[in-house]
Amino acid sequence: MRITRVTKIRGHRVFRDFLWPNDLHSFGQFNLIYGWNGCGKTTLSSLFAHIEKKENVTEGEVEFEIDGGRTCLGYAIAGTNLPPVRVFNRDFINATIASTGDPSDRIDPIYYLGEDSIEKQAQVNRLKEELDTANDELTNATSAKTSATRELDEFRIDEAKVIKRTLTGAKSSRYNNYDKRNFTKSVAMFDAQADVRAARLTGEETEQLLTQKNSQLKSELSAVVCTPPDFENFRSRVKSLLERSVASETIEELAQNPAIARWVQEGLAVHSGEQKTSTCRFCSQPLTTERRAALEGHFNDAFAAFQRELASEISLLARAAEDLAEITFPHPASTYEHLQEELAAAISAAQKTIELTIAWITEVRTALESKRAAPFAPAQCGCWQSETPTVDGSSPDSCVNRVECSSVSYAAS
């Protein structure tokens, strides 16, 4: 039993569509197959090796002719009765012949003779050594890279855990699922900044933020209600009142002595109207018609209206001062620790503003009281003629009617 032909090789390695020609003799006892490199000699020997090892051909279509008539398909070799075959090709040599048994230590099948050949062989040997060295360096570099990658990954995981543990709290769920992916994105964002140092916190800043994060939830502070007086209107009205004088038939003695004038005015009231009498209730002497007329001319309707107007303005100022004095502020300890210093400073500035505002109102009230006692001559008050005092010395022009402004105590001009 022998193989007489390889009738077909289709789609197997270099063979696309080979059919045994009709004019080609079948295999004889001895056969010589030759051709250019790459024409398929090695592939043909590998097909005979499949028969030797009883292995099916899985690539393409292969068909053998046995004893000139029986056909064996390549995919059915393992189950077909075939003649014994021995193949001695390059694969056989690589698999069976070695100097030490190490597959990488092969016997060189070609020997070089002559100076030129020996020099080239020496060059080849040097290049092989360099290649071995380069391969070793590549192996070491690959190992180092793998180790560094693993360490970097572990670092990202550990740092992400620290951030998650530090920032997770009852107030926010933002960091509940924080992991190495979030950490990697944050690092990439910082790297993209022109100055990475700007994103770094000092130890003090870190402690402050941790304290803020761990602080207990505070109750909401009540709003501080403050409706500042309309200083511009006050200024205008008070200035007008102080500059006004009452036209009347004045009695020189009363005009020059405000205290006596107030006493006489009150006395005239208890001697007029339903209480009218012709006898002085103080000295029991007759109260003449001429004297009564002189006093009524001194204290006429214009005088009385002006006095009521002064009294009304004094009352408004007093109420404004009382409202400012009743303003209360929360204690700094009632807010979060990191805000206490700022709140204390704001409260101190506001209280200073209120104190200076009340002082201004008091000065204006004093001027109006003096005008009420001496209504027959113009009076002045320096509370708006001089520069309005401020907490920090700044101009009040932009803060008119804003008692709550921390930089201005009051503004009346």
Protein backbone atom coordinates (compact mmCIF):
# COMPACT_ATOMS: atom_id res chain seq x y z
CA MET A 1 0.00 0.00 0.00
CA ARG A 2 1.41 3.31 -1.10
CA ILE A 3 0.48 6.93 -1.86
CA THR A 4 0.31 7.37 -5.62
CA ARG A 5 -0.84 10.99 -5.98
CA VAL A 6 -1.87 14.18 -4.14
CA THR A 7 -4.85 14.75 -6.36
CA LYS A 8 -6.00 18.10 -4.92
CA ILE A 9 -4.75 20.88 -2.60
CA ARG A 10 -7.05 23.86 -2.33
CA GLY A 11 -6.78 26.80 0.13
CA HIS A 12 -3.94 25.27 2.14
CA ARG A 13 -1.02 27.60 2.85
CA VAL A 14 0.66 28.58 -0.46
CA PHE A 15 -1.59 26.27 -2.51
CA ARG A 16 -4.67 28.02 -3.79
CA ASP A 17 -6.14 25.51 -6.22
CA PHE A 18 -3.79 22.65 -7.15
CA LEU A 19 -5.04 19.66 -9.18
CA TRP A 20 -2.72 16.81 -10.21
CA PRO A 21 -2.23 17.20 -13.97
CA ASN A 22 -3.31 14.27 -16.16
CA ASP A 23 0.05 14.18 -17.91
CA LEU A 24 2.01 14.00 -14.66
CA HIS A 25 3.20 10.51 -13.63
CA SER A 26 2.16 9.10 -10.30
CA PHE A 27 4.73 8.84 -7.52
CA GLY A 28 7.42 6.25 -8.22
CA GLN A 29 9.76 4.36 -5.91
CA PHE A 30 12.07 7.38 -5.83
CA ASN A 31 10.86 10.93 -6.40
CA LEU A 32 12.71 14.29 -6.62
CA ILE A 33 10.72 17.41 -5.93
CA TYR A 34 12.47 20.74 -6.51
CA GLY A 35 11.53 24.37 -7.06
CA TRP A 36 12.07 27.97 -5.99
CA ASN A 37 11.84 29.06 -2.37
CA GLY A 38 8.24 29.56 -1.41
CA CYS A 39 6.77 27.33 -4.11
CA GLY A 40 5.36 24.81 -1.60
CA LYS A 41 7.96 22.10 -1.01
CA THR A 42 7.86 22.43 2.78
CA THR A 43 4.06 22.57 2.71
CA LEU A 44 3.94 19.34 0.72
CA SER A 45 6.22 17.61 3.22
CA SER A 46 3.99 18.81 6.08
CA LEU A 47 1.00 17.09 4.38
CA PHE A 48 2.89 13.79 4.43
CA ALA A 49 3.71 14.48 8.10
CA HIS A 50 -0.07 14.59 8.80
CA ILE A 51 -0.33 11.07 7.38
CA GLU A 52 2.63 9.96 9.51
CA LYS A 53 1.05 11.33 12.72
CA LYS A 54 -2.52 10.32 11.77
CA GLU A 55 -3.61 13.98 12.14
CA ASN A 56 -6.43 15.51 10.12
CA VAL A 57 -5.73 18.52 7.93
CA THR A 58 -7.93 21.38 9.21
CA GLU A 59 -6.90 24.07 6.74
CA GLY A 60 -8.31 24.00 3.23
CA GLU A 61 -9.13 20.89 1.17
CA VAL A 62 -6.60 18.08 0.61
CA GLU A 63 -7.12 14.78 -1.21
CA PHE A 64 -4.71 11.82 -1.53
CA GLU A 65 -4.86 8.87 -3.93
CA ILE A 66 -3.95 5.48 -2.36
CA ASP A 67 -2.80 2.55 -4.53
CA GLY A 68 -3.96 4.25 -7.71
CA GLY A 69 -7.66 4.14 -6.95
CA ARG A 70 -8.71 4.71 -3.29
CA THR A 71 -9.20 8.30 -2.14
CA CYS A 72 -8.35 9.75 1.30
CA LEU A 73 -9.62 13.22 2.23
CA GLY A 74 -7.43 15.44 4.43
CA TYR A 75 -10.09 15.93 7.12
CA ALA A 76 -10.50 12.10 7.45
CA ILE A 77 -6.85 11.03 7.81
CA ALA A 78 -7.19 10.02 11.47
CA GLY A 79 -9.81 7.36 10.66
CA THR A 80 -8.41 5.97 7.38
CA ASN A 81 -6.08 3.01 6.86
CA LEU A 82 -2.99 4.54 5.26
CA PRO A 83 0.54 3.33 4.43
CA PRO A 84 3.32 4.06 6.96
CA VAL A 85 5.12 7.29 6.20
CA ARG A 86 8.28 8.86 7.67
CA VAL A 87 9.08 12.51 7.06
CA PHE A 88 12.49 14.03 7.70
CA ASN A 89 12.08 17.77 7.12
CA ARG A 90 13.12 20.93 8.98
CA ASP A 91 10.41 20.46 11.60
CA PHE A 92 11.76 16.93 12.26
CA ILE A 93 15.29 18.30 12.74
CA ASN A 94 14.12 21.08 15.08
CA ALA A 95 12.09 18.61 17.10
CA THR A 96 14.68 15.81 17.39
CA ILE A 97 18.25 17.05 16.96
CA ALA A 98 19.96 19.35 19.52
CA SER A 99 23.39 19.57 21.12
CA THR A 100 22.21 19.73 24.75
CA GLY A 101 18.56 18.90 24.65
CA ASP A 102 17.67 22.57 25.01
CA PRO A 103 15.33 23.48 22.08
CA SER A 104 17.05 26.86 21.80
CA ASP A 105 20.51 25.24 21.45
CA ARG A 106 20.42 23.86 17.90
CA ILE A 107 23.25 22.42 15.88
CA ASP A 108 24.18 24.92 13.21
CA PRO A 109 23.71 23.05 9.91
CA ILE A 110 25.99 25.38 7.92
CA TYR A 111 29.69 25.98 8.50
CA TYR A 112 31.53 29.04 7.25
CA LEU A 113 34.98 28.83 5.71
CA GLY A 114 37.37 31.69 4.78
CA GLU A 115 38.31 35.05 6.42
CA ASP A 116 35.30 36.93 5.08
CA SER A 117 32.84 34.33 6.24
CA ILE A 118 34.47 34.03 9.65
CA GLU A 119 34.32 37.81 10.16
CA LYS A 120 30.67 37.94 9.20
CA GLN A 121 29.93 35.03 11.52
CA ALA A 122 31.70 36.87 14.36
CA GLN A 123 29.57 39.92 13.61
CA VAL A 124 26.46 37.77 13.69
CA ASN A 125 27.51 36.36 17.06
CA ARG A 126 28.06 39.88 18.45
CA LEU A 127 24.68 40.99 17.21
CA LYS A 128 23.10 37.94 18.81
CA GLU A 129 24.72 38.85 22.13
CA GLU A 130 23.50 42.44 21.80
CA LEU A 131 20.05 41.12 20.99
CA ASP A 132 20.14 38.91 24.07
CA THR A 133 21.21 41.88 26.19
CA ALA A 134 18.48 44.07 24.71
CA ASN A 135 15.92 41.34 25.33
CA ASP A 136 17.05 41.10 28.96
CA GLU A 137 16.78 44.87 29.35
CA LEU A 138 13.34 44.81 27.75
CA THR A 139 12.26 42.06 30.12
CA ASN A 140 13.53 44.01 33.14
CA ALA A 141 11.91 47.24 31.92
CA THR A 142 8.62 45.46 31.31
CA SER A 143 8.75 43.96 34.79
CA ALA A 144 9.55 47.37 36.31
CA LYS A 145 6.69 48.95 34.39
CA THR A 146 4.28 46.27 35.57
CA SER A 147 5.41 46.77 39.15
CA ALA A 148 5.14 50.58 38.89
CA THR A 149 1.68 50.31 37.33
CA ARG A 150 0.57 48.03 40.15
CA GLU A 151 1.98 50.38 42.79
CA LEU A 152 0.31 53.39 41.13
CA ASP A 153 -3.01 51.57 41.07
CA GLU A 154 -2.66 50.67 44.76
CA PHE A 155 -1.77 54.30 45.55
CA ARG A 156 -4.90 55.54 43.75
CA ILE A 157 -7.06 53.04 45.62
CA ASP A 158 -5.57 53.95 49.01
CA GLU A 159 -5.84 57.71 48.44
CA ALA A 160 -9.43 57.38 47.20
CA LYS A 161 -10.27 55.46 50.41
CA VAL A 162 -8.73 58.23 52.53
CA ILE A 163 -10.74 60.90 50.69
CA LYS A 164 -13.93 58.86 50.94
CA ARG A 165 -13.44 58.22 54.66
CA THR A 166 -12.55 61.85 55.33
CA LEU A 167 -15.31 63.57 53.36
CA THR A 168 -18.23 61.17 53.73
CA GLY A 169 -20.73 62.50 56.23
CA ALA A 170 -24.39 62.81 57.11
CA LYS A 171 -24.68 66.22 55.44
CA SER A 172 -23.75 65.06 51.95
CA SER A 173 -23.67 61.78 49.99
CA ARG A 174 -21.34 63.17 47.32
CA TYR A 175 -18.38 61.02 48.39
CA ASN A 176 -20.23 57.82 49.30
CA ASN A 177 -19.09 56.09 46.07
CA TYR A 178 -15.75 57.86 45.65
CA ASP A 179 -13.12 55.52 44.18
CA LYS A 180 -9.83 55.50 42.26
CA ARG A 181 -11.54 56.68 39.06
CA ASN A 182 -12.68 59.88 40.75
CA PHE A 183 -9.22 60.33 42.27
CA THR A 184 -7.56 59.88 38.87
CA LYS A 185 -9.84 62.51 37.30
CA SER A 186 -9.10 64.97 40.11
CA VAL A 187 -5.34 64.49 39.71
CA ALA A 188 -5.63 65.00 35.94
CA MET A 189 -7.58 68.22 36.55
CA PHE A 190 -4.89 69.54 38.91
CA ASP A 191 -2.13 68.59 36.44
CA ALA A 192 -3.89 70.67 33.78
CA GLN A 193 -3.68 73.80 35.91
CA ALA A 194 -0.94 76.31 35.23
CA ASP A 195 0.11 76.30 38.89
CA VAL A 196 -0.66 73.08 40.73
CA ARG A 197 0.45 74.64 44.00
CA ALA A 198 -2.66 76.81 43.93
CA ALA A 199 -4.73 73.67 44.51
CA ARG A 200 -2.74 72.54 47.56
CA LEU A 201 -4.00 73.26 51.07
CA THR A 202 -1.79 74.24 53.96
CA GLY A 203 -1.97 72.21 57.16
CA GLU A 204 -3.96 74.98 58.83
CA GLU A 205 -6.44 75.14 55.96
CA THR A 206 -6.84 71.36 56.05
CA GLU A 207 -7.57 71.36 59.79
CA GLN A 208 -10.03 74.21 59.39
CA LEU A 209 -11.93 72.40 56.63
CA LEU A 210 -11.98 69.13 58.59
CA THR A 211 -13.34 70.97 61.62
CA GLN A 212 -15.98 72.54 59.41
CA LYS A 213 -16.87 69.18 57.90
CA ASN A 214 -17.11 67.40 61.28
CA SER A 215 -19.03 70.18 63.07
CA GLN A 216 -22.49 69.44 64.34
CA LEU A 217 -25.43 70.85 62.41
CA LYS A 218 -26.46 74.22 63.88
CA SER A 219 -29.91 75.72 64.03
CA GLU A 220 -30.65 78.46 61.55
CA LEU A 221 -29.96 81.92 62.98
CA SER A 222 -32.79 84.41 63.16
CA ALA A 223 -32.51 87.31 60.77
CA VAL A 224 -31.46 90.64 62.28
CA VAL A 225 -34.28 93.06 61.46
CA CYS A 226 -33.15 96.66 61.13
CA THR A 227 -35.03 99.49 59.45
CA PRO A 228 -32.65 102.45 59.59
CA PRO A 229 -34.07 105.95 59.88
CA ASP A 230 -34.39 108.03 56.75
CA PHE A 231 -31.47 110.28 57.60
CA GLU A 232 -31.85 112.43 54.50
CA ASN A 233 -35.40 113.39 55.44
CA PHE A 234 -34.39 113.92 59.07
CA ARG A 235 -31.55 116.18 57.94
CA SER A 236 -33.83 118.24 55.70
CA ARG A 237 -36.60 118.67 58.30
CA VAL A 238 -34.30 119.39 61.24
CA LYS A 239 -32.28 121.92 59.26
CA SER A 240 -35.50 123.69 58.27
CA LEU A 241 -36.79 123.75 61.86
CA LEU A 242 -33.55 125.06 63.32
CA GLU A 243 -33.30 127.86 60.74
CA ARG A 244 -36.93 128.98 61.17
CA SER A 245 -38.03 131.80 63.53
CA VAL A 246 -41.56 132.61 64.74
CA ALA A 247 -42.99 136.00 63.85
CA SER A 248 -44.92 137.37 66.85
CA GLU A 249 -45.29 140.37 69.14
CA THR A 250 -42.44 139.24 71.32
CA ILE A 251 -41.92 140.24 74.92
CA GLU A 252 -38.22 140.95 75.31
CA GLU A 253 -38.01 139.46 78.79
CA LEU A 254 -39.51 136.18 77.62
CA ALA A 255 -37.54 136.09 74.42
CA GLN A 256 -34.28 136.47 76.36
CA ASN A 257 -35.18 133.92 79.09
CA PRO A 258 -36.39 130.60 77.62
CA ALA A 259 -36.91 129.02 81.04
CA ILE A 260 -39.17 131.89 82.17
CA ALA A 261 -40.92 131.81 78.81
CA ARG A 262 -41.78 128.11 79.24
CA TRP A 263 -43.09 128.79 82.75
CA VAL A 264 -45.20 131.73 81.59
CA GLN A 265 -46.53 129.77 78.59
CA GLU A 266 -47.66 126.95 80.85
CA GLY A 267 -49.18 129.51 83.25
CA LEU A 268 -51.07 131.21 80.44
CA ALA A 269 -52.64 127.86 79.54
CA VAL A 270 -54.09 127.45 83.05
CA HIS A 271 -55.53 130.96 82.91
CA SER A 272 -57.30 130.55 79.54
CA GLY A 273 -60.18 128.58 78.08
CA GLU A 274 -62.34 126.75 80.62
CA GLN A 275 -59.88 127.79 83.33
CA LYS A 276 -59.97 131.46 82.38
CA THR A 277 -59.69 133.82 85.35
CA SER A 278 -58.90 137.50 85.88
CA THR A 279 -56.75 136.81 88.94
CA CYS A 280 -53.25 135.44 88.83
CA ARG A 281 -53.27 132.00 90.38
CA PHE A 282 -49.70 132.50 91.59
CA CYS A 283 -49.79 135.92 93.26
CA SER A 284 -53.58 136.50 93.47
CA GLN A 285 -53.09 139.89 91.81
CA PRO A 286 -55.40 141.09 89.03
CA LEU A 287 -54.53 139.76 85.53
CA THR A 288 -55.25 142.71 83.32
CA THR A 289 -56.65 142.49 79.83
CA GLU A 290 -53.61 144.30 78.45
CA ARG A 291 -51.22 141.81 80.05
CA ARG A 292 -53.22 138.85 78.78
CA ALA A 293 -53.25 140.29 75.26
CA ALA A 294 -49.48 140.84 75.36
CA LEU A 295 -48.85 137.28 76.49
CA GLU A 296 -51.23 135.85 73.85
CA GLY A 297 -49.48 137.92 71.20
CA HIS A 298 -46.17 136.49 72.35
CA PHE A 299 -47.50 132.91 72.37
CA ASN A 300 -49.70 133.10 69.24
CA ASP A 301 -50.99 130.24 66.99
CA ALA A 302 -47.88 130.20 64.84
CA PHE A 303 -45.77 129.81 67.96
CA ALA A 304 -47.94 126.95 69.22
CA ALA A 305 -47.90 125.18 65.85
CA PHE A 306 -44.14 125.53 65.64
CA GLN A 307 -43.75 124.11 69.12
CA ARG A 308 -45.95 121.13 68.19
CA GLU A 309 -43.86 120.57 65.06
CA LEU A 310 -40.67 120.61 67.13
CA ALA A 311 -42.17 118.22 69.66
CA SER A 312 -43.25 115.83 66.89
CA GLU A 313 -39.79 115.76 65.34
CA ILE A 314 -38.18 115.19 68.75
CA SER A 315 -40.58 112.29 69.32
CA LEU A 316 -39.72 110.73 65.95
CA LEU A 317 -36.03 110.94 66.71
CA ALA A 318 -36.53 109.44 70.14
CA ARG A 319 -38.47 106.52 68.65
CA ALA A 320 -35.77 105.97 66.02
CA ALA A 321 -33.10 105.84 68.76
CA GLU A 322 -35.21 103.37 70.76
CA ASP A 323 -35.67 101.12 67.72
CA LEU A 324 -31.93 101.03 67.08
CA ALA A 325 -31.19 100.36 70.76
CA GLU A 326 -33.54 97.35 70.74
CA ILE A 327 -31.72 95.58 67.87
CA THR A 328 -30.24 92.28 69.09
CA PHE A 329 -27.60 90.10 67.48
CA PRO A 330 -26.97 86.34 67.77
CA HIS A 331 -24.05 85.23 69.91
CA PRO A 332 -21.04 84.19 67.78
CA ALA A 333 -21.00 80.81 69.54
CA SER A 334 -24.38 80.01 68.01
CA THR A 335 -22.85 79.52 64.58
CA TYR A 336 -20.13 77.22 63.21
CA GLU A 337 -16.63 77.60 64.60
CA HIS A 338 -15.06 78.67 61.33
CA LEU A 339 -17.61 81.51 61.04
CA GLN A 340 -17.50 82.75 64.65
CA GLU A 341 -14.61 85.16 64.23
CA GLU A 342 -16.12 86.71 61.11
CA LEU A 343 -19.55 86.98 62.77
CA ALA A 344 -18.07 88.58 65.91
CA ALA A 345 -16.29 91.20 63.79
CA ALA A 346 -19.47 91.96 61.84
CA ILE A 347 -21.51 92.29 65.04
CA SER A 348 -18.90 94.59 66.60
CA ALA A 349 -18.92 96.84 63.53
CA ALA A 350 -22.74 96.91 63.46
CA GLN A 351 -22.93 97.76 67.19
CA LYS A 352 -20.42 100.55 66.71
CA THR A 353 -22.52 101.86 63.85
CA ILE A 354 -25.65 101.79 65.99
CA GLU A 355 -23.89 103.57 68.89
CA LEU A 356 -22.65 106.36 66.65
CA THR A 357 -26.07 106.63 65.00
CA ILE A 358 -27.81 106.97 68.39
CA ALA A 359 -25.20 109.59 69.39
CA TRP A 360 -26.03 111.55 66.23
CA ILE A 361 -29.77 111.33 66.96
CA THR A 362 -29.15 112.48 70.53
CA GLU A 363 -27.18 115.49 69.28
CA VAL A 364 -29.98 116.41 66.88
CA ARG A 365 -32.61 116.02 69.63
CA THR A 366 -30.58 118.30 71.91
CA ALA A 367 -30.47 120.93 69.17
CA LEU A 368 -34.24 120.69 68.66
CA GLU A 369 -34.88 120.94 72.42
CA SER A 370 -32.76 124.08 72.51
CA LYS A 371 -34.71 125.48 69.54
CA ARG A 372 -37.96 124.65 71.29
CA ALA A 373 -36.84 126.66 74.29
CA ALA A 374 -35.68 129.59 72.12
CA PRO A 375 -37.91 129.59 69.02
CA PHE A 376 -37.50 133.27 68.10
CA ALA A 377 -34.03 133.10 66.60
CA PRO A 378 -32.39 130.81 64.04
CA ALA A 379 -30.26 128.01 65.49
CA GLN A 380 -27.68 125.68 64.03
CA CYS A 381 -26.45 122.17 64.70
CA GLY A 382 -22.98 121.02 63.76
CA CYS A 383 -24.03 117.37 63.46
CA TRP A 384 -24.22 117.58 59.67
CA GLN A 385 -22.16 120.62 58.92
CA SER A 386 -18.94 118.82 59.94
CA GLU A 387 -17.88 115.58 58.23
CA THR A 388 -20.09 112.71 59.27
CA PRO A 389 -18.10 110.39 61.58
CA THR A 390 -17.53 106.83 60.35
CA VAL A 391 -16.28 103.56 61.81
CA ASP A 392 -13.21 103.36 59.58
CA GLY A 393 -12.90 106.93 58.34
CA SER A 394 -14.43 106.22 54.92
CA SER A 395 -16.81 108.55 53.12
CA PRO A 396 -20.50 108.01 53.86
CA ASP A 397 -21.70 109.31 50.49
CA SER A 398 -22.43 105.87 49.11
CA CYS A 399 -23.99 104.60 52.32
CA VAL A 400 -26.74 107.12 53.01
CA ASN A 401 -29.59 105.57 55.06
CA ARG A 402 -27.65 102.30 55.53
CA VAL A 403 -27.04 101.71 59.21
CA GLU A 404 -26.25 98.08 58.41
CA CYS A 405 -23.17 99.07 56.36
CA SER A 406 -20.17 97.89 58.35
CA SER A 407 -17.94 100.70 57.08
CA VAL A 408 -20.24 103.62 57.91
CA SER A 409 -21.62 104.56 61.30
CA TYR A 410 -24.36 106.84 60.06
CA ALA A 411 -25.03 109.15 57.17
CA ALA A 412 -26.96 112.34 57.56
CA SER A 413 -25.37 114.42 54.84
